[in-house]
Each structure stands twice: as C-alpha cells, then as structure tokens.
Amino acid sequence: MYFEDYYQGYSFETKKKTITKKDIISFAEKWDYQSFHLDENLARQSHYGGLIARGWQTLIIAFTLILDTQKISDCSMGSPGLEKVNWFKPVRPYDAIHCLVTVVSSRKSTSKPFGVSKILVEVFNQERDLVADMTAVWFLKLANSKK
C-alpha cells in the first residue's frame, strides 16, 4: 500500500496480542520500574488494585500490531510525532489487545515528495473496551515513488 491507498475514512483492524505478566514485568524492569508495573503485591495495594502495563508499552504493542499487518511496510517514511495520546483503562496481565486504525485525513506534502496522513489508532481489550488511543501523523511514500 502507498499514500494514495490511505484516503480519509479508510480503516482496518489488527490481530490480537495477549499481554502476559512476564511481558509487563520485563518491560517495567527496563523502562518504568514503578511498583504497580513490577510487583504484584505492591500493585494490589495501589489505586490500580493490581499489576498493569505501562501506557507506552500498550502503544508500542499497538504499533507492532499495525506493522504486523504489512499495510505500511512498503510506504512508511516515519512520523513527525503524535497529536494526542489517551489512556482510558489499564491493561492487565492476560488482556488481549487489538487496534482499529482509521485515516482521519490525508494530503500530499506541498514541499516534499510524500503524503501526510493523520491516523487515529484505537486500542481495545478482549471485552472491546477502549483502553487507549493516539492520533499519529505518518509520512507515506507516493505510489509513483516506489523504490
């Protein structure tokens, strides 16, 4: 797929990924060693009532799920950033998350040879509860610039 395929309103869903206790703890040991990400006993005593995944871990997994679809592998040229990020509900051990990805807007760059698409990524758990979302801006290759 290329920029031209990412028209406003285009959407797709990803597969699911189950987040294990080991996933949460090993990520936290390296990147966010707050007790509610690392220690089940201390996490139970927190206002979360148990172990939870780091919000950024949830979004990294979401992005990996998007990459796994192979829909951006040929056209992605990176991103200048995120416009918004929200975490609505904690992701807990053995939650299975997946994404609904929707193109909010798309335009050709006026100064560069690529397209710019604004993408809403909604992350859901196995109960279809919205746990997080983010709006990302992607630079995408134009179909006529295949290389």
C-alpha atoms as a PDB file:
ATOM      1  CA  MET A   1       0.000   0.000   0.000  1.00  0.00           C
ATOM      2  CA  TYR A   2       1.041   3.595  -0.606  1.00  0.00           C
ATOM      3  CA  PHE A   3      -0.158   7.057   0.335  1.00  0.00           C
ATOM      4  CA  GLU A   4      -2.936   7.003  -2.259  1.00  0.00           C
ATOM      5  CA  ASP A   5      -4.480   3.977  -0.508  1.00  0.00           C
ATOM      6  CA  TYR A   6      -4.803   5.924   2.768  1.00  0.00           C
ATOM      7  CA  TYR A   7      -7.865   8.032   1.954  1.00  0.00           C
ATOM      8  CA  GLN A   8      -9.921   9.738   4.658  1.00  0.00           C
ATOM      9  CA  GLY A   9     -12.157   7.137   6.316  1.00  0.00           C
ATOM     10  CA  TYR A  10     -10.078   4.106   5.297  1.00  0.00           C
ATOM     11  CA  SER A  11      -9.783   1.731   8.273  1.00  0.00           C
ATOM     12  CA  PHE A  12      -8.536  -1.698   9.214  1.00  0.00           C
ATOM     13  CA  GLU A  13      -8.240  -3.882  12.302  1.00  0.00           C
ATOM     14  CA  THR A  14      -5.169  -5.683  13.576  1.00  0.00           C
ATOM     15  CA  LYS A  15      -4.823  -9.126  15.059  1.00  0.00           C
ATOM     16  CA  LYS A  16      -4.870  -9.557  18.844  1.00  0.00           C
ATOM     17  CA  LYS A  17      -1.904  -9.812  21.181  1.00  0.00           C
ATOM     18  CA  THR A  18      -2.201 -11.189  24.702  1.00  0.00           C
ATOM     19  CA  ILE A  19      -0.106  -9.307  27.241  1.00  0.00           C
ATOM     20  CA  THR A  20       1.405 -11.608  29.855  1.00  0.00           C
ATOM     21  CA  LYS A  21       2.535 -10.865  33.385  1.00  0.00           C
ATOM     22  CA  LYS A  22       6.085 -11.580  32.221  1.00  0.00           C
ATOM     23  CA  ASP A  23       5.701  -9.029  29.367  1.00  0.00           C
ATOM     24  CA  ILE A  24       4.604  -6.342  31.817  1.00  0.00           C
ATOM     25  CA  ILE A  25       7.290  -7.009  34.412  1.00  0.00           C
ATOM     26  CA  SER A  26      10.178  -7.376  31.960  1.00  0.00           C
ATOM     27  CA  PHE A  27       9.238  -4.119  30.218  1.00  0.00           C
ATOM     28  CA  ALA A  28       8.916  -2.350  33.559  1.00  0.00           C
ATOM     29  CA  GLU A  29      12.271  -3.649  34.807  1.00  0.00           C
ATOM     30  CA  LYS A  30      13.955  -1.898  31.919  1.00  0.00           C
ATOM     31  CA  TRP A  31      11.793   1.141  31.235  1.00  0.00           C
ATOM     32  CA  ASP A  32       9.411   2.025  34.080  1.00  0.00           C
ATOM     33  CA  TYR A  33      10.157   0.500  37.446  1.00  0.00           C
ATOM     34  CA  GLN A  34       7.175   1.873  39.342  1.00  0.00           C
ATOM     35  CA  SER A  35       5.797  -0.689  41.774  1.00  0.00           C
ATOM     36  CA  PHE A  36       2.400  -1.109  40.079  1.00  0.00           C
ATOM     37  CA  HIS A  37       4.236  -2.294  36.936  1.00  0.00           C
ATOM     38  CA  LEU A  38       6.746  -4.529  38.736  1.00  0.00           C
ATOM     39  CA  ASP A  39       5.462  -6.078  41.934  1.00  0.00           C
ATOM     40  CA  GLU A  40       2.106  -7.869  42.195  1.00  0.00           C
ATOM     41  CA  ASN A  41       1.815  -7.406  45.954  1.00  0.00           C
ATOM     42  CA  LEU A  42       2.589  -3.694  45.887  1.00  0.00           C
ATOM     43  CA  ALA A  43       0.400  -3.266  42.795  1.00  0.00           C
ATOM     44  CA  ARG A  44      -2.568  -4.785  44.663  1.00  0.00           C
ATOM     45  CA  GLN A  45      -2.101  -2.081  47.307  1.00  0.00           C
ATOM     46  CA  SER A  46      -2.064   0.713  44.705  1.00  0.00           C
ATOM     47  CA  HIS A  47      -5.136   2.528  43.434  1.00  0.00           C
ATOM     48  CA  TYR A  48      -4.976   0.220  40.374  1.00  0.00           C
ATOM     49  CA  GLY A  49      -5.678  -2.840  42.539  1.00  0.00           C
ATOM     50  CA  GLY A  50      -3.199  -4.983  40.643  1.00  0.00           C
ATOM     51  CA  LEU A  51      -0.399  -5.185  38.113  1.00  0.00           C
ATOM     52  CA  ILE A  52      -0.830  -3.033  34.986  1.00  0.00           C
ATOM     53  CA  ALA A  53       1.113  -2.490  31.781  1.00  0.00           C
ATOM     54  CA  ARG A  54       2.835   0.809  31.186  1.00  0.00           C
ATOM     55  CA  GLY A  55       0.758   3.034  28.879  1.00  0.00           C
ATOM     56  CA  TRP A  56       3.663   3.433  26.472  1.00  0.00           C
ATOM     57  CA  GLN A  57       4.105  -0.343  26.427  1.00  0.00           C
ATOM     58  CA  THR A  58       0.478  -0.641  25.323  1.00  0.00           C
ATOM     59  CA  LEU A  59       1.089   1.825  22.484  1.00  0.00           C
ATOM     60  CA  ILE A  60       4.336   0.139  21.419  1.00  0.00           C
ATOM     61  CA  ILE A  61       2.500  -3.171  21.195  1.00  0.00           C
ATOM     62  CA  ALA A  62      -0.290  -1.440  19.263  1.00  0.00           C
ATOM     63  CA  PHE A  63       2.241  -0.072  16.771  1.00  0.00           C
ATOM     64  CA  THR A  64       3.797  -3.527  16.409  1.00  0.00           C
ATOM     65  CA  LEU A  65       0.339  -4.948  15.674  1.00  0.00           C
ATOM     66  CA  ILE A  66      -0.027  -2.329  12.929  1.00  0.00           C
ATOM     67  CA  LEU A  67       3.387  -3.231  11.486  1.00  0.00           C
ATOM     68  CA  ASP A  68       2.392  -6.905  11.517  1.00  0.00           C
ATOM     69  CA  THR A  69      -0.453  -6.159   9.075  1.00  0.00           C
ATOM     70  CA  GLN A  70       2.198  -5.268   6.445  1.00  0.00           C
ATOM     71  CA  LYS A  71      -0.002  -2.323   5.404  1.00  0.00           C
ATOM     72  CA  ILE A  72       2.683   0.301   5.990  1.00  0.00           C
ATOM     73  CA  SER A  73       5.843  -1.734   5.444  1.00  0.00           C
ATOM     74  CA  ASP A  74       6.360  -0.553   1.843  1.00  0.00           C
ATOM     75  CA  CYS A  75       5.365   3.057   2.292  1.00  0.00           C
ATOM     76  CA  SER A  76       6.231   4.288   5.791  1.00  0.00           C
ATOM     77  CA  MET A  77       8.734   7.107   5.909  1.00  0.00           C
ATOM     78  CA  GLY A  78       8.428   7.705   9.645  1.00  0.00           C
ATOM     79  CA  SER A  79       6.462  10.179  11.677  1.00  0.00           C
ATOM     80  CA  PRO A  80       6.973  13.717  12.946  1.00  0.00           C
ATOM     81  CA  GLY A  81       5.003  12.838  16.070  1.00  0.00           C
ATOM     82  CA  LEU A  82       1.740  12.255  17.814  1.00  0.00           C
ATOM     83  CA  GLU A  83      -1.014  14.829  18.101  1.00  0.00           C
ATOM     84  CA  LYS A  84      -2.696  13.220  21.079  1.00  0.00           C
ATOM     85  CA  VAL A  85      -2.418  10.211  23.346  1.00  0.00           C
ATOM     86  CA  ASN A  86      -5.025   8.984  25.823  1.00  0.00           C
ATOM     87  CA  TRP A  87      -5.032   6.089  28.256  1.00  0.00           C
ATOM     88  CA  PHE A  88      -8.554   5.230  29.358  1.00  0.00           C
ATOM     89  CA  LYS A  89      -8.308   1.897  31.125  1.00  0.00           C
ATOM     90  CA  PRO A  90      -5.345  -0.095  32.470  1.00  0.00           C
ATOM     91  CA  VAL A  91      -4.096  -3.094  30.510  1.00  0.00           C
ATOM     92  CA  ARG A  92      -3.651  -6.029  32.862  1.00  0.00           C
ATOM     93  CA  PRO A  93      -1.947  -9.413  32.605  1.00  0.00           C
ATOM     94  CA  TYR A  94      -3.673 -11.657  30.054  1.00  0.00           C
ATOM     95  CA  ASP A  95      -5.617  -8.854  28.405  1.00  0.00           C
ATOM     96  CA  ALA A  96      -5.713  -9.369  24.632  1.00  0.00           C
ATOM     97  CA  ILE A  97      -5.425  -6.067  22.803  1.00  0.00           C
ATOM     98  CA  HIS A  98      -6.033  -5.177  19.184  1.00  0.00           C
ATOM     99  CA  CYS A  99      -6.369  -1.954  17.193  1.00  0.00           C
ATOM    100  CA  LEU A 100      -8.812  -0.226  14.936  1.00  0.00           C
ATOM    101  CA  VAL A 101      -6.824   2.107  12.675  1.00  0.00           C
ATOM    102  CA  THR A 102      -8.681   4.898  10.841  1.00  0.00           C
ATOM    103  CA  VAL A 103      -7.361   7.571   8.489  1.00  0.00           C
ATOM    104  CA  VAL A 104      -8.576  10.939   9.765  1.00  0.00           C
ATOM    105  CA  SER A 105      -7.064  12.988   6.933  1.00  0.00           C
ATOM    106  CA  SER A 106      -4.594  12.665   4.063  1.00  0.00           C
ATOM    107  CA  ARG A 107      -2.841  15.217   1.895  1.00  0.00           C
ATOM    108  CA  LYS A 108       0.172  15.423  -0.371  1.00  0.00           C
ATOM    109  CA  SER A 109       3.022  17.441   1.056  1.00  0.00           C
ATOM    110  CA  THR A 110       3.412  20.801  -0.657  1.00  0.00           C
ATOM    111  CA  SER A 111       7.195  20.795  -0.236  1.00  0.00           C
ATOM    112  CA  LYS A 112       8.277  17.122  -0.120  1.00  0.00           C
ATOM    113  CA  PRO A 113       7.656  14.102  -2.391  1.00  0.00           C
ATOM    114  CA  PHE A 114       5.401  12.187   0.019  1.00  0.00           C
ATOM    115  CA  GLY A 115       1.959  12.158   1.554  1.00  0.00           C
ATOM    116  CA  VAL A 116       0.985  13.096   5.090  1.00  0.00           C
ATOM    117  CA  SER A 117      -1.744  11.056   6.759  1.00  0.00           C
ATOM    118  CA  LYS A 118      -3.254  11.616  10.164  1.00  0.00           C
ATOM    119  CA  ILE A 119      -4.177   8.252  11.683  1.00  0.00           C
ATOM    120  CA  LEU A 120      -6.393   7.500  14.695  1.00  0.00           C
ATOM    121  CA  VAL A 121      -5.293   4.305  16.441  1.00  0.00           C
ATOM    122  CA  GLU A 122      -7.840   2.955  18.925  1.00  0.00           C
ATOM    123  CA  VAL A 123      -6.669   0.144  21.202  1.00  0.00           C
ATOM    124  CA  PHE A 124      -9.266  -2.263  22.594  1.00  0.00           C
ATOM    125  CA  ASN A 125      -9.079  -5.136  25.058  1.00  0.00           C
ATOM    126  CA  GLN A 126     -10.799  -8.515  24.710  1.00  0.00           C
ATOM    127  CA  GLU A 127     -14.047  -7.030  26.069  1.00  0.00           C
ATOM    128  CA  ARG A 128     -13.929  -4.368  23.305  1.00  0.00           C
ATOM    129  CA  ASP A 129     -13.309  -1.703  25.964  1.00  0.00           C
ATOM    130  CA  LEU A 130     -11.304   1.227  24.624  1.00  0.00           C
ATOM    131  CA  VAL A 131      -8.086   1.180  26.672  1.00  0.00           C
ATOM    132  CA  ALA A 132      -6.062   3.804  24.756  1.00  0.00           C
ATOM    133  CA  ASP A 133      -5.956   5.868  21.621  1.00  0.00           C
ATOM    134  CA  MET A 134      -3.491   8.031  19.787  1.00  0.00           C
ATOM    135  CA  THR A 135      -3.548  10.253  16.756  1.00  0.00           C
ATOM    136  CA  ALA A 136      -0.348   9.880  14.772  1.00  0.00           C
ATOM    137  CA  VAL A 137       0.962  11.687  11.721  1.00  0.00           C
ATOM    138  CA  TRP A 138       2.633   9.428   9.151  1.00  0.00           C
ATOM    139  CA  PHE A 139       4.794  10.303   6.179  1.00  0.00           C
ATOM    140  CA  LEU A 140       3.918   7.847   3.388  1.00  0.00           C
ATOM    141  CA  LYS A 141       5.556   7.209   0.012  1.00  0.00           C
ATOM    142  CA  LEU A 142       3.576   8.097  -3.076  1.00  0.00           C
ATOM    143  CA  ALA A 143       2.765   5.192  -5.398  1.00  0.00           C
ATOM    144  CA  ASN A 144       4.791   6.760  -8.224  1.00  0.00           C
ATOM    145  CA  SER A 145       7.897   6.912  -5.992  1.00  0.00           C
ATOM    146  CA  LYS A 146       8.240   3.133  -5.460  1.00  0.00           C
ATOM    147  CA  LYS A 147      11.878   2.315  -4.849  1.00  0.00           C
END
